[in-house]
């Protein structure tokens, strides 16, 4: 007697199914930056800083592709009197494949930078409490593609203040590989920004940053497999296709959820989820637990998976005569290895 099981696609977790604004802090705050190491250095006329964040680091803090609307720096310790005028401030961002700064670095990286923020006579008032976040709203939102990210800050015509301030920062694995800063008595000389002029700091610390970002949408298309049924040895498996596409070059998927309903008695006990970057189930690997999940009306397969602009998922379940619990495991492994 044949047994039938109908599986309907239910939902993808909300944290990637639609764009949403989040504030994400990149850094641990386990150290500070002061004096010549800071993005804003009070005792020299000019300063520029370049910061590199790798894709893996950003993903670890939960930041995927999307639209960045602002960034903020945390003022760990403010000056106790007066106010510091840092003159003209410009902030640029760039997507990049660069993963580390050269040990011989002397100037700005050759990247496709976008000017996202600019203001004159930028001041940090002494009344601002310690641990406050200095937010810089972007006049041009930045399209972060989900790869490595460069942030470049240039400050010109500082009014020469010796008041001491500190910024929250974090240690990095390699000295100078992710943070580079230069300072110089350049007056209001725009050509200083990003140039080889001045004195540089290369340290194993990096200023913490908080990004306000709208995460990317991801589009899902669901259909029955073109074959509907695939055969592996004596077993037959029904297949549901899910195609996931994203505008970004990298998107983090945390889980997939399905709604399943049995329409008749069945010996089918478990379902399995597979994935591949190409539309071929025989190249697929398990998504989530290799032992599958019991058939239910809310099956959630969980795994952090960084997909590119396109990825394919399959929900697979045994429809063979006399199907036994767990019988799909070998067949799915066979499919993955074929």
Protein backbone atom coordinates (compact mmCIF):
# COMPACT_ATOMS: atom_id res chain seq x y z
CA UNK A 1 0.00 0.00 0.00
CA UNK A 2 1.40 3.37 -1.02
CA UNK A 3 1.77 6.11 1.52
CA UNK A 4 1.75 9.83 0.74
CA UNK A 5 3.24 12.82 2.46
CA UNK A 6 2.70 16.40 1.34
CA UNK A 7 5.20 19.04 2.50
CA UNK A 8 4.42 22.76 2.10
CA UNK A 9 7.08 25.49 2.35
CA UNK A 10 6.36 27.61 5.41
CA UNK A 11 8.91 30.34 6.11
CA UNK A 12 12.52 31.48 6.29
CA UNK A 13 13.57 33.07 9.58
CA UNK A 14 12.74 36.75 9.75
CA UNK A 15 16.32 37.86 10.28
CA UNK A 16 17.04 37.32 6.61
CA UNK A 17 13.59 37.17 5.04
CA UNK A 18 13.23 40.95 4.97
CA UNK A 19 15.41 44.01 5.34
CA UNK A 20 15.62 45.46 8.82
CA UNK A 21 17.63 48.12 10.59
CA UNK A 22 20.07 46.99 13.26
CA UNK A 23 22.84 48.59 15.28
CA UNK A 24 25.83 46.26 15.33
CA UNK A 25 28.97 46.93 17.38
CA UNK A 26 32.17 45.53 15.86
CA UNK A 27 34.76 45.06 18.60
CA UNK A 28 35.13 43.80 22.15
CA UNK A 29 35.96 47.07 23.91
CA UNK A 30 38.83 45.40 25.78
CA UNK A 31 41.30 48.28 25.33
CA UNK A 32 41.43 51.98 24.42
CA UNK A 33 43.00 54.30 21.86
CA UNK A 34 44.56 57.59 22.87
CA UNK A 35 46.98 60.20 21.49
CA UNK A 36 48.39 59.48 18.01
CA UNK A 37 46.49 56.20 17.66
CA UNK A 38 43.04 57.82 17.54
CA UNK A 39 40.90 58.71 14.52
CA UNK A 40 40.87 62.25 16.00
CA UNK A 41 44.21 63.42 17.40
CA UNK A 42 44.01 66.68 19.35
CA UNK A 43 47.62 67.86 19.23
CA UNK A 44 48.24 67.85 15.46
CA UNK A 45 46.46 69.79 12.74
CA UNK A 46 45.53 66.77 10.65
CA UNK A 47 44.92 63.07 11.02
CA UNK A 48 43.67 60.23 8.84
CA UNK A 49 42.84 56.67 9.80
CA UNK A 50 42.11 53.57 7.73
CA UNK A 51 40.38 50.57 9.31
CA UNK A 52 39.92 47.11 7.79
CA UNK A 53 37.17 44.68 8.81
CA UNK A 54 37.17 41.21 7.27
CA UNK A 55 34.01 39.43 6.20
CA UNK A 56 34.54 36.69 8.79
CA UNK A 57 34.83 39.27 11.57
CA UNK A 58 31.68 41.10 10.52
CA UNK A 59 29.73 37.84 10.24
CA UNK A 60 30.87 36.87 13.73
CA UNK A 61 29.15 39.97 15.08
CA UNK A 62 26.05 39.31 12.96
CA UNK A 63 26.64 41.85 10.18
CA UNK A 64 25.76 40.76 6.66
CA UNK A 65 25.22 42.64 3.41
CA UNK A 66 22.91 45.63 3.44
CA UNK A 67 22.68 49.41 3.49
CA UNK A 68 24.80 51.20 6.12
CA UNK A 69 23.18 54.44 7.28
CA UNK A 70 25.65 55.60 9.92
CA UNK A 71 28.66 54.65 12.01
CA UNK A 72 29.58 55.62 15.54
CA UNK A 73 32.73 55.70 17.67
CA UNK A 74 32.61 55.24 21.44
CA UNK A 75 34.18 58.02 23.50
CA UNK A 76 35.60 55.99 26.38
CA UNK A 77 37.07 58.96 28.30
CA UNK A 78 36.18 62.56 27.48
CA UNK A 79 38.12 65.72 28.27
CA UNK A 80 37.22 67.31 31.60
CA UNK A 81 36.93 70.90 30.36
CA UNK A 82 36.43 72.91 27.19
CA UNK A 83 35.60 71.41 23.83
CA UNK A 84 37.78 69.97 21.10
CA UNK A 85 37.25 71.35 17.58
CA UNK A 86 38.57 68.86 15.06
CA UNK A 87 37.88 71.01 12.01
CA UNK A 88 36.67 69.33 8.84
CA UNK A 89 35.78 65.64 9.11
CA UNK A 90 35.23 63.30 6.16
CA UNK A 91 34.29 59.61 6.29
CA UNK A 92 34.58 57.17 3.39
CA UNK A 93 33.66 53.47 3.03
CA UNK A 94 34.65 50.84 0.46
CA UNK A 95 33.92 47.19 -0.24
CA UNK A 96 37.19 45.33 -0.72
CA UNK A 97 38.85 41.96 -1.24
CA UNK A 98 41.82 43.11 0.83
CA UNK A 99 42.25 40.94 3.93
CA UNK A 100 45.31 42.50 5.58
CA UNK A 101 47.35 45.71 5.40
CA UNK A 102 50.90 45.42 4.13
CA UNK A 103 53.66 45.74 6.73
CA UNK A 104 55.20 48.42 4.46
CA UNK A 105 51.99 50.44 4.16
CA UNK A 106 52.54 54.22 4.02
CA UNK A 107 49.42 55.58 2.33
CA UNK A 108 45.72 54.99 1.69
CA UNK A 109 44.66 51.76 -0.02
CA UNK A 110 43.69 52.00 -3.68
CA UNK A 111 39.99 51.25 -3.12
CA UNK A 112 36.75 52.54 -4.62
CA UNK A 113 35.88 54.75 -1.67
CA UNK A 114 32.51 56.48 -1.33
CA UNK A 115 32.24 59.72 0.65
CA UNK A 116 29.41 59.07 3.11
CA UNK A 117 29.78 61.87 5.68
CA UNK A 118 31.27 65.36 5.72
CA UNK A 119 31.06 68.27 8.15
CA UNK A 120 33.05 71.36 9.13
CA UNK A 121 34.13 72.44 12.64
CA UNK A 122 33.33 69.12 14.25
CA UNK A 123 33.37 69.42 18.05
CA UNK A 124 33.26 67.01 20.98
CA UNK A 125 31.91 68.98 23.98
CA UNK A 126 33.45 68.22 27.36
CA UNK A 127 29.93 67.81 28.80
CA UNK A 128 29.47 64.61 26.82
CA UNK A 129 29.54 61.67 29.30
CA UNK A 130 32.18 58.97 29.14
CA UNK A 131 31.16 55.91 27.09
CA UNK A 132 28.95 58.03 24.80
CA UNK A 133 28.70 57.02 21.16
CA UNK A 134 29.64 59.69 18.60
CA UNK A 135 27.26 59.03 15.71
CA UNK A 136 27.97 60.12 12.14
CA UNK A 137 24.87 59.92 9.95
CA UNK A 138 25.57 59.30 6.28
CA UNK A 139 24.29 61.78 3.70
CA UNK A 140 24.90 58.97 1.20
CA UNK A 141 23.88 55.51 2.52
CA UNK A 142 26.51 52.91 1.69
CA UNK A 143 25.74 49.62 -0.09
CA UNK A 144 27.76 47.03 1.84
CA UNK A 145 28.13 43.91 -0.33
CA UNK A 146 28.87 41.43 2.44
CA UNK A 147 32.62 41.19 1.78
CA UNK A 148 35.58 42.84 3.55
CA UNK A 149 35.02 46.48 4.50
CA UNK A 150 37.32 49.52 4.61
CA UNK A 151 36.54 52.63 6.66
CA UNK A 152 38.61 55.77 6.07
CA UNK A 153 38.32 58.88 8.28
CA UNK A 154 40.15 62.14 7.57
CA UNK A 155 40.24 65.17 9.90
CA UNK A 156 41.70 68.52 8.77
CA UNK A 157 42.45 71.87 10.46
CA UNK A 158 42.19 70.76 14.06
CA UNK A 159 42.30 73.79 16.39
CA UNK A 160 45.21 72.40 18.40
CA UNK A 161 43.97 71.13 21.73
CA UNK A 162 46.05 69.11 24.15
CA UNK A 163 43.00 67.88 26.07
CA UNK A 164 43.19 64.13 26.46
CA UNK A 165 40.38 61.88 25.21
CA UNK A 166 40.20 58.13 24.63
CA UNK A 167 38.19 55.86 22.33
CA UNK A 168 37.04 52.30 22.97
CA UNK A 169 39.08 49.79 20.98
CA UNK A 170 39.86 46.09 20.64
CA UNK A 171 43.01 44.07 20.14
CA UNK A 172 43.60 42.42 16.76
CA UNK A 173 45.50 39.27 15.90
CA UNK A 174 48.36 40.92 14.00
CA UNK A 175 50.13 44.19 14.73
CA UNK A 176 49.12 46.91 12.29
CA UNK A 177 47.32 44.57 9.92
CA UNK A 178 43.84 46.08 10.37
CA UNK A 179 44.43 49.60 11.68
CA UNK A 180 46.61 52.39 10.28
CA UNK A 181 46.72 56.05 11.31
CA UNK A 182 48.72 59.15 10.29
CA UNK A 183 49.05 62.61 11.82
CA UNK A 184 50.78 65.81 10.66
CA UNK A 185 50.91 69.60 11.10
CA UNK A 186 49.33 70.27 7.73
CA UNK A 187 46.97 73.19 8.45
CA UNK A 188 43.96 72.96 6.12
CA UNK A 189 45.79 71.01 3.44
CA UNK A 190 43.30 68.69 1.74
CA UNK A 191 46.09 66.87 -0.10
CA UNK A 192 47.27 65.40 3.22
CA UNK A 193 44.34 62.96 3.42
CA UNK A 194 45.52 59.49 2.46
CA UNK A 195 49.00 60.69 1.48
CA UNK A 196 52.46 59.55 2.56
CA UNK A 197 52.99 62.76 4.57
CA UNK A 198 53.33 62.71 8.32
CA UNK A 199 53.96 60.23 11.09
CA UNK A 200 52.18 56.90 11.26
CA UNK A 201 50.92 54.49 13.89
CA UNK A 202 50.65 50.78 13.23
CA UNK A 203 49.44 48.86 16.29
CA UNK A 204 47.59 45.70 17.24
CA UNK A 205 44.53 47.69 18.29
CA UNK A 206 41.53 48.90 16.32
CA UNK A 207 38.86 51.43 17.20
CA UNK A 208 35.43 49.90 17.89
CA UNK A 209 32.65 50.94 15.53
CA UNK A 210 28.88 50.71 15.67
CA UNK A 211 27.08 50.45 12.33
CA UNK A 212 23.42 51.20 11.71
CA UNK A 213 22.58 48.86 8.84
CA UNK A 214 19.52 47.61 6.97
CA UNK A 215 20.24 43.93 6.31
CA UNK A 216 19.68 42.64 2.78
CA UNK A 217 16.50 41.03 1.56
CA UNK A 218 16.66 37.48 0.36
CA UNK A 219 14.20 36.04 -2.15
CA UNK A 220 12.91 32.48 -1.92
CA UNK A 221 11.29 30.46 -4.69
CA UNK A 222 9.74 27.12 -3.83
CA UNK A 223 8.63 24.36 -6.20
CA UNK A 224 8.43 20.62 -6.59
CA UNK A 225 11.60 19.11 -8.02
CA UNK A 226 11.58 18.76 -11.81
CA UNK A 227 11.69 15.02 -11.33
CA UNK A 228 9.38 15.06 -8.32
CA UNK A 229 10.80 11.74 -7.19
CA UNK A 230 14.44 10.65 -7.14
CA UNK A 231 15.65 7.08 -6.76
CA UNK A 232 18.65 5.86 -4.79
CA UNK A 233 18.95 2.08 -4.88
CA UNK A 234 15.65 0.60 -3.75
CA UNK A 235 14.57 3.84 -2.12
CA UNK A 236 12.46 6.65 -3.54
CA UNK A 237 12.55 10.19 -2.25
CA UNK A 238 10.17 13.07 -2.82
CA UNK A 239 11.93 16.40 -3.22
CA UNK A 240 10.94 19.99 -2.61
CA UNK A 241 13.13 22.63 -4.30
CA UNK A 242 13.95 25.99 -2.70
CA UNK A 243 16.02 28.53 -4.59
CA UNK A 244 17.46 31.37 -2.50
CA UNK A 245 18.74 34.51 -4.21
CA UNK A 246 20.23 37.67 -2.72
CA UNK A 247 21.27 41.03 -4.14
CA UNK A 248 24.38 40.86 -1.99
CA UNK A 249 27.56 38.92 -2.72
CA UNK A 250 27.32 37.30 0.72
CA UNK A 251 24.35 36.60 3.00
CA UNK A 252 24.26 34.65 6.26
CA UNK A 253 21.39 32.15 6.62
CA UNK A 254 20.82 30.87 10.14
CA UNK A 255 17.93 28.45 9.64
CA UNK A 256 15.11 27.26 7.39
CA UNK A 257 11.66 26.34 8.66
CA UNK A 258 9.03 24.15 7.00
CA UNK A 259 5.42 23.23 7.68
CA UNK A 260 4.67 19.56 7.06
CA UNK A 261 1.37 17.72 7.09
CA UNK A 262 0.73 13.99 6.72
CA UNK A 263 -2.40 13.31 4.67
CA UNK A 264 -2.53 9.59 5.36
CA UNK A 265 -0.94 7.01 7.61
CA UNK A 266 2.72 6.56 6.82
CA UNK A 267 5.90 4.94 7.97
CA UNK A 268 7.80 8.07 6.97
CA UNK A 269 9.39 9.46 10.10
CA UNK A 270 12.05 11.99 9.15
CA UNK A 271 12.90 14.68 6.64
CA UNK A 272 16.31 15.99 5.60
CA UNK A 273 17.54 19.28 4.20
CA UNK A 274 20.33 19.54 1.62
CA UNK A 275 22.03 22.47 -0.07
CA UNK A 276 24.37 23.27 -2.95
CA UNK A 277 25.57 26.36 -4.81
CA UNK A 278 24.44 24.78 -8.09
CA UNK A 279 21.05 23.38 -9.08
CA UNK A 280 22.06 19.72 -8.79
CA UNK A 281 20.94 17.67 -5.81
CA UNK A 282 23.68 15.11 -6.45
CA UNK A 283 26.30 17.74 -5.50
CA UNK A 284 24.48 18.65 -2.28
CA UNK A 285 25.54 18.41 1.33
CA UNK A 286 23.42 18.34 4.47
CA UNK A 287 22.01 21.58 5.79
CA UNK A 288 21.45 21.26 9.53
CA UNK A 289 21.61 17.89 11.24
CA UNK A 290 22.68 14.94 9.01
CA UNK A 291 20.25 12.76 10.99
CA UNK A 292 17.32 14.88 9.84
CA UNK A 293 14.25 15.94 11.82
CA UNK A 294 10.99 14.20 12.74
CA UNK A 295 8.18 15.15 10.37
CA UNK A 296 6.15 17.89 12.05
CA UNK A 297 4.23 21.06 11.33
CA UNK A 298 7.21 23.18 12.34
CA UNK A 299 10.51 21.68 11.26
CA UNK A 300 13.48 24.04 11.62
CA UNK A 301 16.87 23.13 10.20
CA UNK A 302 19.60 25.28 11.77
CA UNK A 303 23.08 26.03 10.47
CA UNK A 304 25.06 29.23 9.90
CA UNK A 305 25.59 29.19 6.15
CA UNK A 306 27.11 32.04 4.19
CA UNK A 307 25.63 31.92 0.70
CA UNK A 308 26.61 33.88 -2.37
CA UNK A 309 24.05 35.50 -4.66
CA UNK A 310 22.39 32.14 -5.33
CA UNK A 311 21.96 28.88 -3.44
CA UNK A 312 19.68 25.82 -3.70
CA UNK A 313 18.03 23.85 -0.90
CA UNK A 314 16.09 20.60 -1.00
CA UNK A 315 13.71 19.09 1.52
CA UNK A 316 13.92 15.33 1.03
CA UNK A 317 11.73 12.56 2.50
CA UNK A 318 11.39 8.82 1.87
CA UNK A 319 8.26 7.64 0.04
CA UNK A 320 9.39 4.05 -0.53
CA UNK A 321 7.23 1.07 0.41
CA UNK A 322 7.90 0.05 4.01
CA UNK A 323 10.07 3.07 4.68
CA UNK A 324 11.93 2.71 7.97
CA UNK A 325 13.09 5.30 10.43
CA UNK A 326 16.41 6.84 9.35
CA UNK A 327 16.50 4.94 6.06
CA UNK A 328 17.25 8.13 4.14
CA UNK A 329 20.63 8.78 5.71
CA UNK A 330 22.71 6.47 3.52
CA UNK A 331 20.84 7.50 0.38
CA UNK A 332 21.36 11.21 1.10
CA UNK A 333 25.04 10.61 1.72
CA UNK A 334 25.21 8.66 -1.53
CA UNK A 335 23.59 11.57 -3.35
CA UNK A 336 26.07 14.00 -1.87
CA UNK A 337 28.99 11.87 -2.95
CA UNK A 338 27.78 11.11 -6.49
